Protein backbone atom coordinates (compact mmCIF):
# COMPACT_ATOMS: atom_id res chain seq x y z
CA UNK A 1 -140.02 -85.37 -54.41
CA UNK A 2 -140.32 -89.15 -54.29
CA UNK A 3 -139.95 -90.64 -57.74
CA UNK A 4 -139.49 -94.03 -59.31
CA UNK A 5 -135.84 -95.14 -59.03
CA UNK A 6 -133.99 -98.41 -59.48
CA UNK A 7 -134.07 -98.99 -55.70
CA UNK A 8 -136.45 -101.70 -54.59
CA UNK A 9 -137.41 -103.13 -51.22
CA UNK A 10 -137.16 -106.87 -50.63
CA UNK A 11 -140.61 -108.41 -50.32
CA UNK A 12 -139.48 -110.30 -47.20
CA UNK A 13 -138.49 -107.21 -45.21
CA UNK A 14 -139.81 -107.06 -41.63
CA UNK A 15 -142.17 -104.38 -40.38
CA UNK A 16 -139.67 -102.39 -38.29
CA UNK A 17 -137.15 -102.24 -41.13
CA UNK A 18 -139.77 -101.12 -43.61
CA UNK A 19 -140.95 -98.32 -41.35
CA UNK A 20 -137.40 -96.99 -41.14
CA UNK A 21 -137.57 -96.39 -44.89
CA UNK A 22 -140.69 -94.26 -44.51
CA UNK A 23 -140.93 -90.55 -43.80
CA UNK A 24 -143.72 -89.55 -41.41
CA UNK A 25 -145.16 -86.09 -40.81
CA UNK A 26 -145.90 -86.82 -37.14
CA UNK A 27 -146.27 -89.57 -34.57
CA UNK A 28 -149.98 -90.03 -35.35
CA UNK A 29 -149.19 -90.84 -38.98
CA UNK A 30 -146.51 -93.28 -37.84
CA UNK A 31 -148.96 -95.09 -35.57
CA UNK A 32 -151.50 -95.18 -38.39
CA UNK A 33 -148.90 -96.79 -40.65
CA UNK A 34 -148.01 -99.35 -38.00
CA UNK A 35 -151.65 -100.36 -37.64
CA UNK A 36 -152.15 -100.67 -41.41
CA UNK A 37 -149.02 -102.79 -41.76
CA UNK A 38 -150.60 -105.19 -39.26
CA UNK A 39 -153.99 -105.11 -40.96
CA UNK A 40 -152.92 -105.20 -44.63
CA UNK A 41 -149.56 -106.91 -44.36
CA UNK A 42 -145.98 -105.76 -44.92
CA UNK A 43 -145.63 -107.49 -48.30
CA UNK A 44 -148.78 -105.73 -49.55
CA UNK A 45 -147.20 -102.37 -48.80
CA UNK A 46 -143.83 -103.35 -50.25
CA UNK A 47 -145.40 -104.14 -53.62
CA UNK A 48 -147.11 -100.75 -53.67
CA UNK A 49 -143.94 -98.94 -52.60
CA UNK A 50 -141.93 -100.61 -55.34
CA UNK A 51 -144.53 -99.47 -57.85
CA UNK A 52 -144.24 -95.88 -56.62
CA UNK A 53 -140.45 -95.89 -56.24
CA UNK A 54 -138.09 -94.70 -53.52
CA UNK A 55 -136.31 -91.35 -53.48
CA UNK A 56 -132.55 -91.00 -54.01
CA UNK A 57 -131.97 -91.75 -50.32
CA UNK A 58 -133.93 -94.99 -50.53
CA UNK A 59 -136.91 -93.61 -48.57
CA UNK A 60 -140.52 -92.68 -49.26
CA UNK A 61 -143.19 -90.47 -47.66
CA UNK A 62 -145.89 -92.53 -46.01
CA UNK A 63 -148.46 -89.92 -47.07
CA UNK A 64 -147.74 -90.74 -50.71
CA UNK A 65 -148.22 -94.47 -50.12
CA UNK A 66 -151.44 -93.80 -48.22
CA UNK A 67 -152.82 -91.41 -50.84
CA UNK A 68 -152.20 -93.79 -53.73
CA UNK A 69 -153.78 -96.67 -51.82
CA UNK A 70 -156.83 -94.51 -50.99
CA UNK A 71 -157.06 -93.44 -54.62
CA UNK A 72 -156.96 -97.04 -55.85
CA UNK A 73 -159.61 -98.00 -53.32
CA UNK A 74 -161.83 -95.12 -54.44
CA UNK A 75 -161.51 -96.30 -58.04
CA UNK A 76 -162.42 -99.84 -56.99
CA UNK A 77 -165.42 -98.78 -54.90
CA UNK A 78 -166.76 -96.50 -57.61
CA UNK A 79 -166.29 -99.08 -60.35
CA UNK A 80 -168.03 -101.73 -58.29
CA UNK A 81 -171.23 -99.68 -58.20
CA UNK A 82 -171.27 -99.40 -61.98
CA UNK A 83 -170.33 -103.05 -62.45
CA UNK A 84 -173.33 -103.94 -60.28
CA UNK A 85 -175.52 -101.70 -62.44
CA UNK A 86 -174.10 -103.36 -65.56
CA UNK A 87 -174.88 -106.80 -64.15
CA UNK A 88 -178.47 -105.70 -63.51
CA UNK A 89 -178.59 -104.36 -67.08
CA UNK A 90 -177.75 -107.85 -68.37
CA UNK A 91 -180.31 -109.49 -66.08
CA UNK A 92 -182.97 -107.07 -67.25
CA UNK A 93 -182.29 -107.72 -70.91
CA UNK A 94 -182.44 -111.50 -70.45
CA UNK A 95 -185.64 -111.28 -68.38
CA UNK A 96 -187.32 -108.92 -70.84
CA UNK A 97 -186.28 -111.13 -73.76
CA UNK A 98 -187.85 -114.14 -72.03
CA UNK A 99 -191.06 -112.25 -71.31
CA UNK A 100 -191.25 -111.20 -74.95
CA UNK A 101 -190.91 -114.83 -76.01
CA UNK A 102 -187.48 -114.60 -77.66
CA UNK A 103 -187.17 -118.01 -79.35
CA UNK A 104 -183.36 -117.91 -79.58
CA UNK A 105 -182.90 -117.44 -75.83
CA UNK A 106 -181.04 -120.40 -74.29
CA UNK A 107 -181.36 -120.36 -70.50
CA UNK A 108 -180.16 -123.89 -69.80
CA UNK A 109 -181.91 -127.05 -68.66
CA UNK A 110 -182.00 -126.21 -64.95
CA UNK A 111 -183.63 -122.81 -65.38
CA UNK A 112 -186.06 -124.08 -68.03
CA UNK A 113 -187.08 -126.92 -65.73
CA UNK A 114 -187.65 -124.56 -62.81
CA UNK A 115 -189.68 -122.21 -64.99
CA UNK A 116 -191.89 -125.10 -66.11
CA UNK A 117 -192.38 -126.02 -62.43
CA UNK A 118 -193.75 -122.58 -61.59
CA UNK A 119 -190.69 -120.46 -60.92
CA UNK A 120 -190.31 -117.00 -62.47
CA UNK A 121 -187.52 -115.58 -64.58
CA UNK A 122 -186.60 -112.82 -62.13
CA UNK A 123 -186.07 -115.29 -59.31
CA UNK A 124 -184.00 -117.61 -61.51
CA UNK A 125 -181.72 -114.85 -62.74
CA UNK A 126 -181.17 -113.46 -59.24
CA UNK A 127 -179.34 -116.67 -58.33
CA UNK A 128 -176.84 -116.29 -61.18
CA UNK A 129 -173.49 -114.55 -60.78
CA UNK A 130 -171.87 -112.50 -63.52
CA UNK A 131 -170.06 -115.50 -64.98
CA UNK A 132 -173.26 -117.51 -65.22
CA UNK A 133 -175.08 -114.61 -66.84
CA UNK A 134 -172.25 -114.34 -69.33
CA UNK A 135 -172.70 -117.98 -70.30
CA UNK A 136 -176.27 -117.19 -71.33
CA UNK A 137 -175.19 -114.10 -73.26
CA UNK A 138 -172.49 -116.11 -75.07
CA UNK A 139 -175.28 -118.16 -76.67
CA UNK A 140 -177.04 -115.09 -78.06
CA UNK A 141 -177.26 -114.68 -81.81
CA UNK A 142 -175.37 -111.76 -83.36
CA UNK A 143 -178.69 -110.02 -83.84
CA UNK A 144 -179.58 -110.40 -80.15
CA UNK A 145 -176.13 -109.18 -79.09
CA UNK A 146 -176.61 -106.11 -81.26
CA UNK A 147 -179.97 -105.46 -79.66
CA UNK A 148 -178.38 -105.75 -76.24
CA UNK A 149 -175.30 -103.65 -77.05
CA UNK A 150 -176.21 -101.44 -80.06
CA UNK A 151 -172.73 -99.92 -80.36
CA UNK A 152 -170.82 -103.17 -79.91
CA UNK A 153 -168.61 -104.88 -82.49
CA UNK A 154 -167.44 -108.42 -83.23
CA UNK A 155 -165.40 -108.44 -80.02
CA UNK A 156 -168.36 -108.03 -77.68
CA UNK A 157 -167.94 -111.46 -76.02
CA UNK A 158 -164.22 -110.87 -75.43
CA UNK A 159 -165.08 -107.47 -73.99
CA UNK A 160 -167.66 -108.99 -71.66
CA UNK A 161 -165.08 -111.51 -70.45
CA UNK A 162 -162.73 -108.61 -69.76
CA UNK A 163 -165.42 -106.95 -67.64
CA UNK A 164 -165.85 -110.20 -65.73
CA UNK A 165 -162.12 -110.23 -64.89
CA UNK A 166 -162.22 -106.56 -63.86
CA UNK A 167 -165.13 -107.36 -61.57
CA UNK A 168 -163.29 -110.35 -60.09
CA UNK A 169 -160.19 -108.26 -59.40
CA UNK A 170 -162.28 -105.67 -57.56
CA UNK A 171 -164.26 -108.31 -55.65
CA UNK A 172 -160.99 -109.80 -54.39
CA UNK A 173 -159.71 -106.38 -53.33
CA UNK A 174 -156.77 -106.42 -55.72
CA UNK A 175 -154.88 -103.15 -56.18
CA UNK A 176 -155.92 -102.15 -59.69
CA UNK A 177 -152.86 -99.96 -60.28
CA UNK A 178 -150.74 -103.08 -59.71
CA UNK A 179 -152.98 -105.65 -61.37
CA UNK A 180 -151.49 -107.29 -64.46
CA UNK A 181 -153.97 -110.08 -65.16
CA UNK A 182 -156.68 -108.17 -66.98
CA UNK A 183 -158.28 -110.02 -69.87
CA UNK A 184 -157.86 -108.59 -73.34
CA UNK A 185 -160.49 -106.12 -74.45
CA UNK A 186 -160.86 -104.28 -77.74
CA UNK A 187 -161.09 -100.51 -77.95
CA UNK A 188 -161.81 -99.33 -81.50
CA UNK A 189 -160.77 -102.78 -82.68
CA UNK A 190 -157.36 -102.63 -80.99
CA UNK A 191 -156.45 -105.24 -78.36
CA UNK A 192 -155.71 -103.77 -74.92
CA UNK A 193 -154.95 -105.23 -71.48
CA UNK A 194 -154.33 -102.13 -69.33
CA UNK A 195 -156.54 -100.73 -66.57
CA UNK A 196 -157.72 -97.58 -68.33
CA UNK A 197 -158.72 -99.54 -71.45
CA UNK A 198 -160.65 -102.02 -69.31
CA UNK A 199 -162.57 -99.17 -67.71
CA UNK A 200 -163.21 -97.63 -71.13
CA UNK A 201 -164.52 -101.01 -72.19
CA UNK A 202 -167.10 -100.85 -69.40
CA UNK A 203 -167.98 -97.30 -70.47
CA UNK A 204 -168.55 -98.54 -74.03
CA UNK A 205 -170.90 -101.36 -72.99
CA UNK A 206 -172.83 -99.90 -70.10
CA UNK A 207 -176.19 -98.27 -70.82
CA UNK A 208 -176.15 -94.66 -72.03
CA UNK A 209 -177.92 -93.66 -68.84
CA UNK A 210 -174.75 -94.41 -66.83
CA UNK A 211 -171.93 -93.52 -69.27
CA UNK A 212 -171.19 -89.88 -68.41
CA UNK A 213 -171.79 -90.46 -64.72
CA UNK A 214 -169.25 -93.28 -64.80
CA UNK A 215 -166.68 -91.14 -66.61
CA UNK A 216 -167.14 -88.19 -64.26
CA UNK A 217 -167.03 -90.38 -61.16
CA UNK A 218 -163.71 -91.97 -62.11
CA UNK A 219 -162.13 -88.69 -63.20
CA UNK A 220 -163.25 -87.08 -59.94
CA UNK A 221 -161.49 -89.71 -57.79
CA UNK A 222 -158.34 -87.57 -57.65
CA UNK A 223 -160.15 -85.18 -55.29
CA UNK A 224 -160.62 -85.63 -51.56
CA UNK A 225 -162.82 -83.08 -49.77
CA UNK A 226 -161.52 -84.23 -46.39
CA UNK A 227 -157.84 -83.87 -47.29
CA UNK A 228 -156.67 -80.72 -49.07
CA UNK A 229 -153.15 -82.22 -49.31
CA UNK A 230 -154.41 -85.32 -51.16
CA UNK A 231 -152.23 -85.55 -54.26
CA UNK A 232 -151.82 -88.33 -56.82
CA UNK A 233 -148.77 -88.31 -59.13
CA UNK A 234 -149.85 -87.86 -62.74
CA UNK A 235 -148.47 -91.24 -63.86
CA UNK A 236 -150.99 -93.03 -61.58
CA UNK A 237 -154.08 -91.03 -62.52
CA UNK A 238 -156.86 -92.91 -64.30
CA UNK A 239 -158.25 -90.39 -66.77
CA UNK A 240 -161.10 -91.19 -69.15
């Protein structure tokens, strides 16, 4: 079975040479690989292969590469849905706070000016991306932060920044299993920078309505109803 060894492929290898290091089940799989090398790039695949590791003969099954890529993409796609829901959760809290006349709410000069000129809070917040929403949240009082995230601690702003970076990585189609630029987040007061901790951080902050669904959705990503041979090595599995 292919396992992580000390053998690595040079990032500058050409397509034909890389394909010689792969083991294909049939010609169709080989053609599929060739197309994906053109679409995704040789270097992209090399980085993933070096993460997985070559076998003792310096080769690797293409099916394993493909499965791990599909798994990572499933994680990304599923997380993105919940990150979008989390972003809407923040928008809703800010909008509701404004409508309830929260005196400590600081929306910024531009939004306040537009609101005075007849705009509405929903329209103004729709134009803000996650980073801009976070800037508003950063100005919340501790009391308001606690109202927004009842189970949060003193690290809530750091944890929100970590979610922003996770969202950015997914938006830019980065391979999460390879990504090493996550922001620090705090799980039970302990600083973490790994993928699983960053997902747990989202679980901790997202509304209770979504929590278990998020956990189940990520844990279920190891299954593929269309491919009974879909198999992810245990060391790559994201388990919550």
